[in-house]
PDB file of all heavy atoms in Angstrom:
ATOM      1  N   PHE A   1      69.312  34.715  65.403  1.00  0.00           N
ATOM      2  CA  PHE A   1      68.022  34.464  64.708  1.00  0.00           C
ATOM      3  C   PHE A   1      67.531  33.049  64.989  1.00  0.00           C
ATOM      4  O   PHE A   1      66.369  32.859  65.365  1.00  0.00           O
ATOM      5  CB  PHE A   1      68.210  34.703  63.211  1.00  0.00           C
ATOM      6  CG  PHE A   1      66.945  34.491  62.401  1.00  0.00           C
ATOM      7  CD1 PHE A   1      66.095  35.565  62.181  1.00  0.00           C
ATOM      8  CD2 PHE A   1      66.636  33.260  61.888  1.00  0.00           C
ATOM      9  CE1 PHE A   1      64.927  35.365  61.442  1.00  0.00           C
ATOM     10  CE2 PHE A   1      65.476  33.055  61.155  1.00  0.00           C
ATOM     11  CZ  PHE A   1      64.618  34.116  60.929  1.00  0.00           C
ATOM     12  N   VAL A   2      68.382  32.099  64.801  1.00  0.00           N
ATOM     13  CA  VAL A   2      68.012  30.690  65.000  1.00  0.00           C
ATOM     14  C   VAL A   2      67.654  30.438  66.458  1.00  0.00           C
ATOM     15  O   VAL A   2      66.612  29.858  66.798  1.00  0.00           O
ATOM     16  CB  VAL A   2      69.136  29.752  64.537  1.00  0.00           C
ATOM     17  CG1 VAL A   2      68.828  28.301  64.927  1.00  0.00           C
ATOM     18  CG2 VAL A   2      69.349  29.868  63.053  1.00  0.00           C
ATOM     19  N   CYS A   3      68.516  30.886  67.391  1.00  0.00           N
ATOM     20  CA  CYS A   3      68.330  30.614  68.794  1.00  0.00           C
ATOM     21  C   CYS A   3      67.028  31.224  69.336  1.00  0.00           C
ATOM     22  O   CYS A   3      66.272  30.584  70.107  1.00  0.00           O
ATOM     23  CB  CYS A   3      69.513  31.107  69.618  1.00  0.00           C
ATOM     24  SG  CYS A   3      71.048  30.197  69.304  1.00  0.00           S
ATOM     25  N   PHE A   4      66.753  32.466  68.948  1.00  0.00           N
ATOM     26  CA  PHE A   4      65.552  33.134  69.460  1.00  0.00           C
ATOM     27  C   PHE A   4      64.275  32.625  68.834  1.00  0.00           C
ATOM     28  O   PHE A   4      63.287  32.399  69.538  1.00  0.00           O
ATOM     29  CB  PHE A   4      65.669  34.653  69.272  1.00  0.00           C
ATOM     30  CG  PHE A   4      66.407  35.342  70.382  1.00  0.00           C
ATOM     31  CD1 PHE A   4      67.736  35.706  70.206  1.00  0.00           C
ATOM     32  CD2 PHE A   4      65.804  35.621  71.576  1.00  0.00           C
ATOM     33  CE1 PHE A   4      68.445  36.330  71.227  1.00  0.00           C
ATOM     34  CE2 PHE A   4      66.491  36.243  72.617  1.00  0.00           C
ATOM     35  CZ  PHE A   4      67.807  36.603  72.434  1.00  0.00           C
ATOM     36  N   TYR A   5      64.282  32.411  67.516  1.00  0.00           N
ATOM     37  CA  TYR A   5      63.023  32.011  66.890  1.00  0.00           C
ATOM     38  C   TYR A   5      62.657  30.564  67.126  1.00  0.00           C
ATOM     39  O   TYR A   5      61.505  30.167  66.938  1.00  0.00           O
ATOM     40  CB  TYR A   5      63.077  32.334  65.393  1.00  0.00           C
ATOM     41  CG  TYR A   5      62.744  33.769  65.113  1.00  0.00           C
ATOM     42  CD1 TYR A   5      63.762  34.702  64.930  1.00  0.00           C
ATOM     43  CD2 TYR A   5      61.430  34.207  65.067  1.00  0.00           C
ATOM     44  CE1 TYR A   5      63.486  36.041  64.700  1.00  0.00           C
ATOM     45  CE2 TYR A   5      61.142  35.544  64.842  1.00  0.00           C
ATOM     46  CZ  TYR A   5      62.168  36.461  64.661  1.00  0.00           C
ATOM     47  OH  TYR A   5      61.873  37.778  64.453  1.00  0.00           O
ATOM     48  N   VAL A   6      63.595  29.772  67.588  1.00  0.00           N
ATOM     49  CA  VAL A   6      63.272  28.416  68.018  1.00  0.00           C
ATOM     50  C   VAL A   6      62.489  28.455  69.340  1.00  0.00           C
ATOM     51  O   VAL A   6      61.547  27.690  69.556  1.00  0.00           O
ATOM     52  CB  VAL A   6      64.530  27.561  68.192  1.00  0.00           C
ATOM     53  CG1 VAL A   6      64.258  26.294  68.986  1.00  0.00           C
ATOM     54  CG2 VAL A   6      65.108  27.199  66.819  1.00  0.00           C
ATOM     55  N   ARG A   7      62.858  29.404  70.214  1.00  0.00           N
ATOM     56  CA  ARG A   7      62.263  29.457  71.555  1.00  0.00           C
ATOM     57  C   ARG A   7      61.122  30.461  71.685  1.00  0.00           C
ATOM     58  O   ARG A   7      60.257  30.287  72.558  1.00  0.00           O
ATOM     59  CB  ARG A   7      63.338  29.835  72.581  1.00  0.00           C
ATOM     60  CG  ARG A   7      64.476  28.822  72.690  1.00  0.00           C
ATOM     61  CD  ARG A   7      65.449  29.271  73.781  1.00  0.00           C
ATOM     62  NE  ARG A   7      64.798  29.381  75.076  1.00  0.00           N
ATOM     63  CZ  ARG A   7      65.357  30.000  76.102  1.00  0.00           C
ATOM     64  NH1 ARG A   7      66.539  30.582  75.977  1.00  0.00           N
ATOM     65  NH2 ARG A   7      64.709  30.068  77.252  1.00  0.00           N
ATOM     66  N   TYR A   8      61.137  31.538  70.859  1.00  0.00           N
ATOM     67  CA  TYR A   8      60.204  32.627  71.089  1.00  0.00           C
ATOM     68  C   TYR A   8      59.466  33.039  69.816  1.00  0.00           C
ATOM     69  O   TYR A   8      59.984  32.904  68.698  1.00  0.00           O
ATOM     70  CB  TYR A   8      60.943  33.872  71.605  1.00  0.00           C
ATOM     71  CG  TYR A   8      61.616  33.680  72.934  1.00  0.00           C
ATOM     72  CD1 TYR A   8      63.020  33.524  73.004  1.00  0.00           C
ATOM     73  CD2 TYR A   8      60.905  33.698  74.114  1.00  0.00           C
ATOM     74  CE1 TYR A   8      63.653  33.356  74.213  1.00  0.00           C
ATOM     75  CE2 TYR A   8      61.534  33.541  75.341  1.00  0.00           C
ATOM     76  CZ  TYR A   8      62.917  33.360  75.395  1.00  0.00           C
ATOM     77  OH  TYR A   8      63.537  33.201  76.585  1.00  0.00           O
ATOM     78  N   LYS A   9      58.237  33.538  70.017  1.00  0.00           N
ATOM     79  CA  LYS A   9      57.537  34.281  68.979  1.00  0.00           C
ATOM     80  C   LYS A   9      57.711  35.740  69.331  1.00  0.00           C
ATOM     81  O   LYS A   9      57.164  36.221  70.343  1.00  0.00           O
ATOM     82  CB  LYS A   9      56.052  33.888  68.928  1.00  0.00           C
ATOM     83  CG  LYS A   9      55.279  34.634  67.847  1.00  0.00           C
ATOM     84  CD  LYS A   9      53.849  34.154  67.805  1.00  0.00           C
ATOM     85  CE  LYS A   9      53.030  34.933  66.754  1.00  0.00           C
ATOM     86  NZ  LYS A   9      53.603  34.834  65.387  1.00  0.00           N
ATOM     87  N   ILE A  10      58.472  36.466  68.534  1.00  0.00           N
ATOM     88  CA  ILE A  10      58.894  37.819  68.924  1.00  0.00           C
ATOM     89  C   ILE A  10      57.942  38.838  68.299  1.00  0.00           C
ATOM     90  O   ILE A  10      57.656  38.811  67.081  1.00  0.00           O
ATOM     91  CB  ILE A  10      60.335  38.088  68.434  1.00  0.00           C
ATOM     92  CG1 ILE A  10      61.278  37.077  69.096  1.00  0.00           C
ATOM     93  CG2 ILE A  10      60.765  39.508  68.794  1.00  0.00           C
ATOM     94  CD1 ILE A  10      62.715  37.157  68.605  1.00  0.00           C
ATOM     95  N   HIS A  11      57.416  39.739  69.142  1.00  0.00           N
ATOM     96  CA  HIS A  11      56.520  40.821  68.723  1.00  0.00           C
ATOM     97  C   HIS A  11      57.238  42.141  68.927  1.00  0.00           C
ATOM     98  O   HIS A  11      57.623  42.473  70.052  1.00  0.00           O
ATOM     99  CB  HIS A  11      55.233  40.796  69.539  1.00  0.00           C
ATOM    100  CG  HIS A  11      54.568  39.459  69.604  1.00  0.00           C
ATOM    101  ND1 HIS A  11      53.576  39.078  68.734  1.00  0.00           N
ATOM    102  CD2 HIS A  11      54.764  38.398  70.447  1.00  0.00           C
ATOM    103  CE1 HIS A  11      53.159  37.855  69.013  1.00  0.00           C
ATOM    104  NE2 HIS A  11      53.890  37.406  70.059  1.00  0.00           N
ATOM    105  N   VAL A  12      57.456  42.888  67.852  1.00  0.00           N
ATOM    106  CA  VAL A  12      58.219  44.141  67.938  1.00  0.00           C
ATOM    107  C   VAL A  12      57.288  45.309  67.578  1.00  0.00           C
ATOM    108  O   VAL A  12      56.625  45.299  66.559  1.00  0.00           O
ATOM    109  CB  VAL A  12      59.411  44.129  66.978  1.00  0.00           C
ATOM    110  CG1 VAL A  12      60.208  45.422  67.099  1.00  0.00           C
ATOM    111  CG2 VAL A  12      60.303  42.924  67.232  1.00  0.00           C
ATOM    112  N   LYS A  13      57.302  46.300  68.431  1.00  0.00           N
ATOM    113  CA  LYS A  13      56.514  47.536  68.197  1.00  0.00           C
ATOM    114  C   LYS A  13      57.461  48.727  68.205  1.00  0.00           C
ATOM    115  O   LYS A  13      58.261  48.890  69.116  1.00  0.00           O
ATOM    116  CB  LYS A  13      55.454  47.709  69.285  1.00  0.00           C
ATOM    117  CG  LYS A  13      54.563  48.924  69.102  1.00  0.00           C
ATOM    118  CD  LYS A  13      53.519  49.014  70.195  1.00  0.00           C
ATOM    119  CE  LYS A  13      52.639  50.230  70.014  1.00  0.00           C
ATOM    120  NZ  LYS A  13      51.603  50.312  71.100  1.00  0.00           N
ATOM    121  N   GLY A  14      57.391  49.567  67.163  1.00  0.00           N
ATOM    122  CA  GLY A  14      58.211  50.772  67.104  1.00  0.00           C
ATOM    123  C   GLY A  14      59.535  50.623  66.403  1.00  0.00           C
ATOM    124  O   GLY A  14      60.450  51.398  66.655  1.00  0.00           O
ATOM    125  N   ILE A  15      59.647  49.631  65.503  1.00  0.00           N
ATOM    126  CA  ILE A  15      60.935  49.367  64.881  1.00  0.00           C
ATOM    127  C   ILE A  15      61.452  50.552  64.051  1.00  0.00           C
ATOM    128  O   ILE A  15      62.656  50.774  63.956  1.00  0.00           O
ATOM    129  CB  ILE A  15      60.861  48.082  63.986  1.00  0.00           C
ATOM    130  CG1 ILE A  15      62.257  47.687  63.497  1.00  0.00           C
ATOM    131  CG2 ILE A  15      59.904  48.290  62.828  1.00  0.00           C
ATOM    132  CD1 ILE A  15      63.226  47.332  64.577  1.00  0.00           C
ATOM    133  N   GLU A  16      60.532  51.339  63.465  1.00  0.00           N
ATOM    134  CA  GLU A  16      60.970  52.497  62.685  1.00  0.00           C
ATOM    135  C   GLU A  16      61.658  53.530  63.560  1.00  0.00           C
ATOM    136  O   GLU A  16      62.580  54.214  63.083  1.00  0.00           O
ATOM    137  CB  GLU A  16      59.777  53.113  61.930  1.00  0.00           C
ATOM    138  CG  GLU A  16      59.333  52.316  60.721  1.00  0.00           C
ATOM    139  CD  GLU A  16      60.496  52.019  59.752  1.00  0.00           C
ATOM    140  OE1 GLU A  16      61.235  52.965  59.419  1.00  0.00           O
ATOM    141  OE2 GLU A  16      60.655  50.857  59.366  1.00  0.00           O
ATOM    142  N   SER A  17      61.216  53.670  64.814  1.00  0.00           N
ATOM    143  CA  SER A  17      61.914  54.594  65.720  1.00  0.00           C
ATOM    144  C   SER A  17      63.330  54.172  65.919  1.00  0.00           C
ATOM    145  O   SER A  17      64.247  54.994  66.062  1.00  0.00           O
ATOM    146  CB  SER A  17      61.162  54.602  67.069  1.00  0.00           C
ATOM    147  OG  SER A  17      59.872  55.108  66.956  1.00  0.00           O
ATOM    148  N   PHE A  18      63.539  52.866  65.953  1.00  0.00           N
ATOM    149  CA  PHE A  18      64.886  52.305  66.128  1.00  0.00           C
ATOM    150  C   PHE A  18      65.738  52.591  64.904  1.00  0.00           C
ATOM    151  O   PHE A  18      66.839  53.121  65.020  1.00  0.00           O
ATOM    152  CB  PHE A  18      64.724  50.784  66.336  1.00  0.00           C
ATOM    153  CG  PHE A  18      65.895  50.120  67.018  1.00  0.00           C
ATOM    154  CD1 PHE A  18      65.771  48.845  67.533  1.00  0.00           C
ATOM    155  CD2 PHE A  18      67.124  50.761  67.164  1.00  0.00           C
ATOM    156  CE1 PHE A  18      66.812  48.231  68.161  1.00  0.00           C
ATOM    157  CE2 PHE A  18      68.186  50.148  67.779  1.00  0.00           C
ATOM    158  CZ  PHE A  18      68.025  48.870  68.285  1.00  0.00           C
ATOM    159  N   ARG A  19      65.229  52.237  63.768  1.00  0.00           N
ATOM    160  CA  ARG A  19      66.036  52.316  62.539  1.00  0.00           C
ATOM    161  C   ARG A  19      66.324  53.734  62.079  1.00  0.00           C
ATOM    162  O   ARG A  19      67.301  53.967  61.369  1.00  0.00           O
ATOM    163  CB  ARG A  19      65.346  51.523  61.430  1.00  0.00           C
ATOM    164  CG  ARG A  19      65.343  50.018  61.711  1.00  0.00           C
ATOM    165  CD  ARG A  19      64.587  49.235  60.705  1.00  0.00           C
ATOM    166  NE  ARG A  19      64.660  47.786  60.997  1.00  0.00           N
ATOM    167  CZ  ARG A  19      63.905  46.869  60.444  1.00  0.00           C
ATOM    168  NH1 ARG A  19      62.952  47.245  59.558  1.00  0.00           N
ATOM    169  NH2 ARG A  19      64.045  45.603  60.762  1.00  0.00           N
ATOM    170  N   THR A  20      65.489  54.685  62.465  1.00  0.00           N
ATOM    171  CA  THR A  20      65.671  56.075  62.019  1.00  0.00           C
ATOM    172  C   THR A  20      66.230  56.977  63.130  1.00  0.00           C
ATOM    173  O   THR A  20      66.342  58.179  62.936  1.00  0.00           O
ATOM    174  CB  THR A  20      64.360  56.654  61.500  1.00  0.00           C
ATOM    175  OG1 THR A  20      63.367  56.638  62.572  1.00  0.00           O
ATOM    176  CG2 THR A  20      63.825  55.861  60.323  1.00  0.00           C
ATOM    177  N   ALA A  21      66.582  56.412  64.271  1.00  0.00           N
ATOM    178  CA  ALA A  21      67.105  57.191  65.394  1.00  0.00           C
ATOM    179  C   ALA A  21      68.425  57.850  65.000  1.00  0.00           C
ATOM    180  O   ALA A  21      69.255  57.226  64.312  1.00  0.00           O
ATOM    181  CB  ALA A  21      67.282  56.336  66.619  1.00  0.00           C
ATOM    182  N   PRO A  22      68.646  59.085  65.430  1.00  0.00           N
ATOM    183  CA  PRO A  22      69.888  59.815  65.055  1.00  0.00           C
ATOM    184  C   PRO A  22      71.091  59.362  65.897  1.00  0.00           C
ATOM    185  O   PRO A  22      70.930  58.742  66.941  1.00  0.00           O
ATOM    186  CB  PRO A  22      69.521  61.267  65.353  1.00  0.00           C
ATOM    187  CG  PRO A  22      68.574  61.188  66.504  1.00  0.00           C
ATOM    188  CD  PRO A  22      67.764  59.916  66.262  1.00  0.00           C
ATOM    189  N   HIS A  23      72.256  59.730  65.410  1.00  0.00           N
ATOM    190  CA  HIS A  23      73.489  59.509  66.143  1.00  0.00           C
ATOM    191  C   HIS A  23      74.009  60.866  66.639  1.00  0.00           C
ATOM    192  O   HIS A  23      73.791  61.863  65.956  1.00  0.00           O
ATOM    193  CB  HIS A  23      74.552  58.864  65.244  1.00  0.00           C
ATOM    194  CG  HIS A  23      74.291  57.414  64.977  1.00  0.00           C
ATOM    195  ND1 HIS A  23      75.241  56.567  64.431  1.00  0.00           N
ATOM    196  CD2 HIS A  23      73.183  56.642  65.148  1.00  0.00           C
ATOM    197  CE1 HIS A  23      74.748  55.370  64.276  1.00  0.00           C
ATOM    198  NE2 HIS A  23      73.494  55.379  64.710  1.00  0.00           N
ATOM    199  N   PRO A  24      74.740  60.906  67.748  1.00  0.00           N
ATOM    200  CA  PRO A  24      74.985  59.799  68.671  1.00  0.00           C
ATOM    201  C   PRO A  24      73.707  59.402  69.400  1.00  0.00           C
ATOM    202  O   PRO A  24      72.760  60.163  69.468  1.00  0.00           O
ATOM    203  CB  PRO A  24      76.024  60.389  69.629  1.00  0.00           C
ATOM    204  CG  PRO A  24      75.736  61.843  69.644  1.00  0.00           C
ATOM    205  CD  PRO A  24      75.318  62.179  68.228  1.00  0.00           C
ATOM    206  N   LEU A  25      73.710  58.200  69.982  1.00  0.00           N
ATOM    207  CA  LEU A  25      72.495  57.652  70.568  1.00  0.00           C
ATOM    208  C   LEU A  25      72.815  56.811  71.807  1.00  0.00           C
ATOM    209  O   LEU A  25      73.798  56.065  71.804  1.00  0.00           O
ATOM    210  CB  LEU A  25      71.801  56.780  69.519  1.00  0.00           C
ATOM    211  CG  LEU A  25      70.438  56.184  69.897  1.00  0.00           C
ATOM    212  CD1 LEU A  25      69.395  57.277  70.085  1.00  0.00           C
ATOM    213  CD2 LEU A  25      69.991  55.194  68.822  1.00  0.00           C
ATOM    214  N   ILE A  26      71.966  56.972  72.815  1.00  0.00           N
ATOM    215  CA  ILE A  26      72.048  56.112  74.008  1.00  0.00           C
ATOM    216  C   ILE A  26      70.794  55.269  74.031  1.00  0.00           C
ATOM    217  O   ILE A  26      69.662  55.809  74.110  1.00  0.00           O
ATOM    218  CB  ILE A  26      72.140  56.962  75.293  1.00  0.00           C
ATOM    219  CG1 ILE A  26      73.367  57.861  75.250  1.00  0.00           C
ATOM    220  CG2 ILE A  26      72.224  56.034  76.526  1.00  0.00           C
ATOM    221  CD1 ILE A  26      73.369  58.927  76.349  1.00  0.00           C
ATOM    222  N   ILE A  27      70.914  53.971  73.926  1.00  0.00           N
ATOM    223  CA  ILE A  27      69.805  53.058  74.001  1.00  0.00           C
ATOM    224  C   ILE A  27      69.696  52.594  75.449  1.00  0.00           C
ATOM    225  O   ILE A  27      70.664  52.064  76.025  1.00  0.00           O
ATOM    226  CB  ILE A  27      69.951  51.847  73.061  1.00  0.00           C
ATOM    227  CG1 ILE A  27      70.027  52.349  71.600  1.00  0.00           C
ATOM    228  CG2 ILE A  27      68.804  50.867  73.230  1.00  0.00           C
ATOM    229  CD1 ILE A  27      70.303  51.249  70.599  1.00  0.00           C
ATOM    230  N   VAL A  28      68.526  52.757  76.046  1.00  0.00           N
ATOM    231  CA  VAL A  28      68.286  52.410  77.438  1.00  0.00           C
ATOM    232  C   VAL A  28      67.235  51.308  77.463  1.00  0.00           C
ATOM    233  O   VAL A  28      66.105  51.503  76.975  1.00  0.00           O
ATOM    234  CB  VAL A  28      67.815  53.622  78.269  1.00  0.00           C
ATOM    235  CG1 VAL A  28      67.481  53.203  79.689  1.00  0.00           C
ATOM    236  CG2 VAL A  28      68.917  54.691  78.286  1.00  0.00           C
ATOM    237  N   ALA A  29      67.561  50.154  78.042  1.00  0.00           N
ATOM    238  CA  ALA A  29      66.648  49.021  78.050  1.00  0.00           C
ATOM    239  C   ALA A  29      66.614  48.351  79.411  1.00  0.00           C
ATOM    240  O   ALA A  29      67.591  48.386  80.160  1.00  0.00           O
ATOM    241  CB  ALA A  29      67.048  48.000  76.982  1.00  0.00           C
ATOM    242  N   ASN A  30      65.463  47.752  79.717  1.00  0.00           N
ATOM    243  CA  ASN A  30      65.403  46.908  80.903  1.00  0.00           C
ATOM    244  C   ASN A  30      66.132  45.595  80.614  1.00  0.00           C
ATOM    245  O   ASN A  30      66.428  45.278  79.463  1.00  0.00           O
ATOM    246  CB  ASN A  30      63.971  46.685  81.368  1.00  0.00           C
ATOM    247  CG  ASN A  30      63.165  45.880  80.354  1.00  0.00           C
ATOM    248  OD1 ASN A  30      63.142  46.193  79.159  1.00  0.00           O
ATOM    249  ND2 ASN A  30      62.438  44.870  80.815  1.00  0.00           N
ATOM    250  N   HIS A  31      66.418  44.859  81.687  1.00  0.00           N
ATOM    251  CA  HIS A  31      67.316  43.711  81.535  1.00  0.00           C
ATOM    252  C   HIS A  31      66.647  42.450  82.045  1.00  0.00           C
ATOM    253  O   HIS A  31      66.501  42.258  83.249  1.00  0.00           O
ATOM    254  CB  HIS A  31      68.603  44.004  82.371  1.00  0.00           C
ATOM    255  CG  HIS A  31      69.843  43.358  81.820  1.00  0.00           C
ATOM    256  ND1 HIS A  31      69.869  42.647  80.659  1.00  0.00           N
ATOM    257  CD2 HIS A  31      71.111  43.331  82.317  1.00  0.00           C
ATOM    258  CE1 HIS A  31      71.113  42.189  80.460  1.00  0.00           C
ATOM    259  NE2 HIS A  31      71.876  42.616  81.443  1.00  0.00           N
ATOM    260  N   ILE A  32      66.224  41.566  81.137  1.00  0.00           N
ATOM    261  CA  ILE A  32      65.514  40.353  81.546  1.00  0.00           C
ATOM    262  C   ILE A  32      66.316  39.067  81.316  1.00  0.00           C
ATOM    263  O   ILE A  32      65.947  38.001  81.794  1.00  0.00           O
ATOM    264  CB  ILE A  32      64.159  40.226  80.811  1.00  0.00           C
ATOM    265  CG1 ILE A  32      64.363  40.029  79.300  1.00  0.00           C
ATOM    266  CG2 ILE A  32      63.291  41.424  81.105  1.00  0.00           C
ATOM    267  CD1 ILE A  32      63.072  39.698  78.556  1.00  0.00           C
TER     268      ILE A  32
END
């Protein structure tokens, strides 16, 4: 929290999809 918010202003879209996703789950993300 401290490290990211010092450097970035974070914009999140679709957080409810994340929090309500069923298990088991595979999260697929690009890598920056």
